[in-house]
Amino acid sequence: MTPDMIYGLTGIAVFAIGLAGALCAQDRLRRLLALKLCSMGAGFLLVVAAWRVPPDAPDPVPHALVITGIVVVVSATAVALALIRRLQSLETRDDD
């Protein structure tokens, strides 16, 4: 088994765990964290796909996409956390 196959299978496993968590979780925060895990698995797969045998240069486009994806995921997570907090405060206010 080659290292790139091991890394690829690891990326698929991380993506699958995140997808299963996003589909099965009831709590909003757990679902958000599962979606983050899913996006990191997809990014890992892109990096593995860009890898080349050492004499060749790796493809820089997937690496740039992963870096951009990380920035987007961080900002989307911040917005989602703010929305989750607001929903939680509205739900607790309605319960009173």
N, C-alpha and C. Protein backbone atom coordinates (compact mmCIF):
# COMPACT_ATOMS: atom_id res chain seq x y z
N MET A 1 0.85 -1.17 0.00
CA MET A 1 0.00 0.00 0.00
C MET A 1 0.90 1.24 0.00
N THR A 2 0.67 2.11 -0.95
CA THR A 2 1.51 3.29 -1.09
C THR A 2 1.05 4.39 -0.13
N PRO A 3 1.94 5.33 0.21
CA PRO A 3 1.55 6.41 1.12
C PRO A 3 0.40 7.27 0.57
N ASP A 4 0.40 7.52 -0.75
CA ASP A 4 -0.68 8.35 -1.27
C ASP A 4 -2.03 7.63 -1.18
N MET A 5 -2.03 6.31 -1.27
CA MET A 5 -3.28 5.57 -1.10
C MET A 5 -3.74 5.63 0.36
N ILE A 6 -2.80 5.53 1.28
CA ILE A 6 -3.14 5.62 2.71
C ILE A 6 -3.71 6.99 3.02
N TYR A 7 -3.06 8.04 2.51
CA TYR A 7 -3.55 9.40 2.75
C TYR A 7 -4.90 9.63 2.09
N GLY A 8 -5.09 9.08 0.90
CA GLY A 8 -6.37 9.22 0.22
C GLY A 8 -7.49 8.52 0.97
N LEU A 9 -7.23 7.31 1.45
CA LEU A 9 -8.24 6.59 2.22
C LEU A 9 -8.53 7.29 3.55
N THR A 10 -7.50 7.91 4.13
CA THR A 10 -7.71 8.67 5.35
C THR A 10 -8.60 9.87 5.08
N GLY A 11 -8.37 10.57 3.97
CA GLY A 11 -9.22 11.70 3.61
C GLY A 11 -10.66 11.28 3.37
N ILE A 12 -10.85 10.15 2.71
CA ILE A 12 -12.20 9.63 2.49
C ILE A 12 -12.86 9.27 3.81
N ALA A 13 -12.10 8.67 4.72
CA ALA A 13 -12.65 8.29 6.02
C ALA A 13 -13.04 9.52 6.83
N VAL A 14 -12.21 10.56 6.82
CA VAL A 14 -12.54 11.79 7.54
C VAL A 14 -13.79 12.43 6.94
N PHE A 15 -13.87 12.45 5.62
CA PHE A 15 -15.06 12.99 4.95
C PHE A 15 -16.31 12.20 5.32
N ALA A 16 -16.19 10.86 5.32
CA ALA A 16 -17.34 10.01 5.63
C ALA A 16 -17.79 10.18 7.08
N ILE A 17 -16.84 10.30 8.00
CA ILE A 17 -17.19 10.51 9.41
C ILE A 17 -17.91 11.85 9.57
N GLY A 18 -17.41 12.87 8.91
CA GLY A 18 -18.07 14.18 8.98
C GLY A 18 -19.45 14.15 8.36
N LEU A 19 -19.61 13.47 7.24
CA LEU A 19 -20.92 13.39 6.59
C LEU A 19 -21.90 12.62 7.45
N ALA A 20 -21.46 11.53 8.04
CA ALA A 20 -22.34 10.76 8.94
C ALA A 20 -22.74 11.59 10.15
N GLY A 21 -21.80 12.33 10.69
CA GLY A 21 -22.11 13.19 11.83
C GLY A 21 -23.07 14.30 11.46
N ALA A 22 -22.92 14.87 10.27
CA ALA A 22 -23.81 15.94 9.85
C ALA A 22 -25.22 15.42 9.61
N LEU A 23 -25.33 14.21 9.13
CA LEU A 23 -26.66 13.66 8.85
C LEU A 23 -27.35 13.13 10.11
N CYS A 24 -26.58 12.69 11.09
CA CYS A 24 -27.16 12.05 12.28
C CYS A 24 -27.29 12.97 13.49
N ALA A 25 -26.53 14.04 13.54
CA ALA A 25 -26.51 14.88 14.74
C ALA A 25 -27.79 15.72 14.83
N GLN A 26 -28.28 15.87 16.05
CA GLN A 26 -29.44 16.71 16.29
C GLN A 26 -29.03 18.11 16.74
N ASP A 27 -27.95 18.19 17.51
CA ASP A 27 -27.48 19.46 18.03
C ASP A 27 -26.84 20.28 16.91
N ARG A 28 -27.13 21.57 16.89
CA ARG A 28 -26.62 22.44 15.82
C ARG A 28 -25.11 22.55 15.85
N LEU A 29 -24.54 22.65 17.04
CA LEU A 29 -23.09 22.80 17.16
C LEU A 29 -22.38 21.53 16.69
N ARG A 30 -22.90 20.38 17.05
CA ARG A 30 -22.30 19.13 16.58
C ARG A 30 -22.40 19.00 15.06
N ARG A 31 -23.52 19.43 14.50
CA ARG A 31 -23.69 19.38 13.05
C ARG A 31 -22.69 20.30 12.36
N LEU A 32 -22.48 21.49 12.93
CA LEU A 32 -21.50 22.42 12.37
C LEU A 32 -20.09 21.84 12.42
N LEU A 33 -19.73 21.25 13.54
CA LEU A 33 -18.40 20.64 13.66
C LEU A 33 -18.24 19.46 12.71
N ALA A 34 -19.32 18.70 12.50
CA ALA A 34 -19.26 17.59 11.55
C ALA A 34 -19.07 18.09 10.12
N LEU A 35 -19.71 19.20 9.78
CA LEU A 35 -19.53 19.78 8.45
C LEU A 35 -18.11 20.32 8.27
N LYS A 36 -17.53 20.87 9.33
CA LYS A 36 -16.13 21.30 9.26
C LYS A 36 -15.22 20.10 9.03
N LEU A 37 -15.49 19.00 9.70
CA LEU A 37 -14.71 17.79 9.51
C LEU A 37 -14.84 17.29 8.08
N CYS A 38 -16.04 17.38 7.54
CA CYS A 38 -16.29 16.97 6.16
C CYS A 38 -15.48 17.83 5.19
N SER A 39 -15.44 19.12 5.42
CA SER A 39 -14.68 20.00 4.52
C SER A 39 -13.18 19.77 4.64
N MET A 40 -12.69 19.44 5.83
CA MET A 40 -11.27 19.15 5.98
C MET A 40 -10.90 17.84 5.28
N GLY A 41 -11.81 16.87 5.29
CA GLY A 41 -11.57 15.63 4.55
C GLY A 41 -11.49 15.88 3.05
N ALA A 42 -12.38 16.75 2.55
CA ALA A 42 -12.36 17.08 1.13
C ALA A 42 -11.07 17.83 0.77
N GLY A 43 -10.64 18.74 1.63
CA GLY A 43 -9.38 19.45 1.40
C GLY A 43 -8.19 18.51 1.41
N PHE A 44 -8.23 17.54 2.30
CA PHE A 44 -7.15 16.55 2.37
C PHE A 44 -7.09 15.74 1.08
N LEU A 45 -8.25 15.40 0.54
CA LEU A 45 -8.28 14.66 -0.72
C LEU A 45 -7.72 15.50 -1.86
N LEU A 46 -7.99 16.80 -1.87
CA LEU A 46 -7.44 17.66 -2.91
C LEU A 46 -5.92 17.73 -2.83
N VAL A 47 -5.40 17.81 -1.62
CA VAL A 47 -3.95 17.85 -1.46
C VAL A 47 -3.33 16.53 -1.90
N VAL A 48 -3.96 15.43 -1.57
CA VAL A 48 -3.44 14.12 -1.99
C VAL A 48 -3.49 14.00 -3.51
N ALA A 49 -4.54 14.52 -4.13
CA ALA A 49 -4.66 14.44 -5.59
C ALA A 49 -3.59 15.29 -6.29
N ALA A 50 -3.11 16.33 -5.63
CA ALA A 50 -2.11 17.21 -6.24
C ALA A 50 -0.69 16.67 -6.10
N TRP A 51 -0.51 15.66 -5.27
CA TRP A 51 0.83 15.13 -5.03
C TRP A 51 1.36 14.42 -6.27
N ARG A 52 2.63 14.63 -6.55
CA ARG A 52 3.31 13.98 -7.68
C ARG A 52 4.57 13.29 -7.18
N VAL A 53 5.11 12.42 -7.99
CA VAL A 53 6.38 11.75 -7.67
C VAL A 53 7.46 12.83 -7.52
N PRO A 54 8.37 12.74 -6.55
CA PRO A 54 9.30 13.82 -6.23
C PRO A 54 10.04 14.51 -7.37
N PRO A 55 10.44 13.89 -8.47
CA PRO A 55 11.08 14.71 -9.51
C PRO A 55 10.13 15.73 -10.14
N ASP A 56 8.84 15.42 -10.16
CA ASP A 56 7.86 16.34 -10.73
C ASP A 56 7.39 17.33 -9.68
N ALA A 57 6.99 18.50 -10.15
CA ALA A 57 6.46 19.52 -9.24
C ALA A 57 4.98 19.24 -8.98
N PRO A 58 4.52 19.46 -7.75
CA PRO A 58 3.09 19.26 -7.47
C PRO A 58 2.25 20.32 -8.16
N ASP A 59 1.00 19.99 -8.41
CA ASP A 59 0.08 20.92 -9.04
C ASP A 59 -0.33 21.99 -8.02
N PRO A 60 -0.05 23.27 -8.27
CA PRO A 60 -0.33 24.30 -7.27
C PRO A 60 -1.81 24.70 -7.17
N VAL A 61 -2.61 24.39 -8.17
CA VAL A 61 -4.01 24.83 -8.16
C VAL A 61 -4.79 24.19 -7.02
N PRO A 62 -4.72 22.87 -6.82
CA PRO A 62 -5.46 22.30 -5.67
C PRO A 62 -4.98 22.83 -4.32
N HIS A 63 -3.70 23.11 -4.21
CA HIS A 63 -3.19 23.68 -2.96
C HIS A 63 -3.78 25.07 -2.73
N ALA A 64 -3.86 25.87 -3.77
CA ALA A 64 -4.46 27.19 -3.64
C ALA A 64 -5.95 27.08 -3.30
N LEU A 65 -6.63 26.10 -3.88
CA LEU A 65 -8.04 25.90 -3.56
C LEU A 65 -8.24 25.49 -2.10
N VAL A 66 -7.33 24.66 -1.59
CA VAL A 66 -7.44 24.23 -0.19
C VAL A 66 -7.20 25.40 0.74
N ILE A 67 -6.20 26.22 0.45
CA ILE A 67 -5.94 27.39 1.30
C ILE A 67 -7.12 28.35 1.28
N THR A 68 -7.68 28.58 0.10
CA THR A 68 -8.86 29.44 0.00
C THR A 68 -10.04 28.81 0.74
N GLY A 69 -10.19 27.50 0.63
CA GLY A 69 -11.27 26.81 1.33
C GLY A 69 -11.15 26.91 2.83
N ILE A 70 -9.94 26.87 3.34
CA ILE A 70 -9.73 27.01 4.79
C ILE A 70 -10.18 28.39 5.25
N VAL A 71 -9.84 29.42 4.50
CA VAL A 71 -10.26 30.78 4.85
C VAL A 71 -11.78 30.90 4.82
N VAL A 72 -12.41 30.33 3.80
CA VAL A 72 -13.87 30.39 3.69
C VAL A 72 -14.53 29.61 4.82
N VAL A 73 -13.99 28.45 5.17
CA VAL A 73 -14.57 27.65 6.24
C VAL A 73 -14.46 28.36 7.58
N VAL A 74 -13.36 29.02 7.83
CA VAL A 74 -13.20 29.74 9.10
C VAL A 74 -14.22 30.88 9.20
N SER A 75 -14.38 31.64 8.12
CA SER A 75 -15.34 32.75 8.17
C SER A 75 -16.78 32.23 8.22
N ALA A 76 -17.09 31.17 7.49
CA ALA A 76 -18.44 30.61 7.52
C ALA A 76 -18.75 30.01 8.89
N THR A 77 -17.74 29.44 9.54
CA THR A 77 -17.93 28.90 10.87
C THR A 77 -18.23 30.02 11.87
N ALA A 78 -17.56 31.14 11.73
CA ALA A 78 -17.82 32.27 12.62
C ALA A 78 -19.26 32.77 12.46
N VAL A 79 -19.72 32.87 11.24
CA VAL A 79 -21.10 33.31 10.99
C VAL A 79 -22.08 32.27 11.52
N ALA A 80 -21.81 30.99 11.28
CA ALA A 80 -22.70 29.94 11.75
C ALA A 80 -22.76 29.89 13.27
N LEU A 81 -21.63 30.11 13.93
CA LEU A 81 -21.63 30.13 15.40
C LEU A 81 -22.44 31.31 15.93
N ALA A 82 -22.35 32.45 15.27
CA ALA A 82 -23.15 33.60 15.68
C ALA A 82 -24.64 33.32 15.49
N LEU A 83 -25.00 32.68 14.39
CA LEU A 83 -26.40 32.33 14.17
C LEU A 83 -26.90 31.30 15.18
N ILE A 84 -26.07 30.31 15.49
CA ILE A 84 -26.45 29.30 16.48
C ILE A 84 -26.66 29.95 17.84
N ARG A 85 -25.77 30.87 18.19
CA ARG A 85 -25.91 31.56 19.48
C ARG A 85 -27.19 32.40 19.52
N ARG A 86 -27.49 33.08 18.43
CA ARG A 86 -28.71 33.90 18.36
C ARG A 86 -29.95 33.02 18.43
N LEU A 87 -29.97 31.91 17.73
CA LEU A 87 -31.11 30.99 17.79
C LEU A 87 -31.28 30.44 19.20
N GLN A 88 -30.17 30.12 19.84
CA GLN A 88 -30.24 29.60 21.20
C GLN A 88 -30.81 30.64 22.15
N SER A 89 -30.39 31.89 22.00
CA SER A 89 -30.92 32.94 22.88
C SER A 89 -32.40 33.19 22.61
N LEU A 90 -32.83 33.11 21.35
CA LEU A 90 -34.25 33.28 21.05
C LEU A 90 -35.08 32.11 21.58
N GLU A 91 -34.57 30.91 21.52
CA GLU A 91 -35.30 29.76 22.04
C GLU A 91 -35.41 29.80 23.55
N THR A 92 -34.36 30.22 24.24
CA THR A 92 -34.44 30.31 25.70
C THR A 92 -35.34 31.45 26.14
N ARG A 93 -35.41 32.53 25.36
CA ARG A 93 -36.29 33.65 25.69
C ARG A 93 -37.75 33.24 25.51
N ASP A 94 -38.06 32.43 24.52
CA ASP A 94 -39.42 31.98 24.29
C ASP A 94 -39.87 30.99 25.37
N ASP A 95 -38.93 30.25 25.96
CA ASP A 95 -39.26 29.27 26.98
C ASP A 95 -39.65 29.94 28.29
N ASP A 96 -39.19 31.16 28.53
CA ASP A 96 -39.48 31.84 29.81
C ASP A 96 -40.87 32.28 29.92
